[in-house]
C-alpha cells in the first residue's frame, strides 16, 4: 500500500522546483497521488476495509487542499500539475 523509497525519490526528482526541493506543493501532490492510486487498488479487492477507506479519504482531502492552494496562488504551476498527473480540474 505504501510507496517505495525509490518511487518517492523518482517523484521528487520529477516535480521538484529547485535542487534541494522535497516539500513543495507539487512534490507533495505527486506523492499523495501515488499513495491514493495504491490505496485505490487495495480497496478494489478489499472493499470492506474501513480503516484503509478512512485513510484514503484523508489522503484525498489533503491532496485537494494542496491543489486548491496551487490554484489560488499560481495558475501556471496548477495547470502544469493537473496536466502531468491527469487530475480533474
Foldseek 3Di string as FASTA:
>chain_A
DADDPVVLVVLCVVQPPDDPDCDQLLSLLSRLLVVLVVLVVVCVVVVPPVVSVVVSVVSVVVSVVSLVVCVVPPVVSSVVSCVVSVPDD
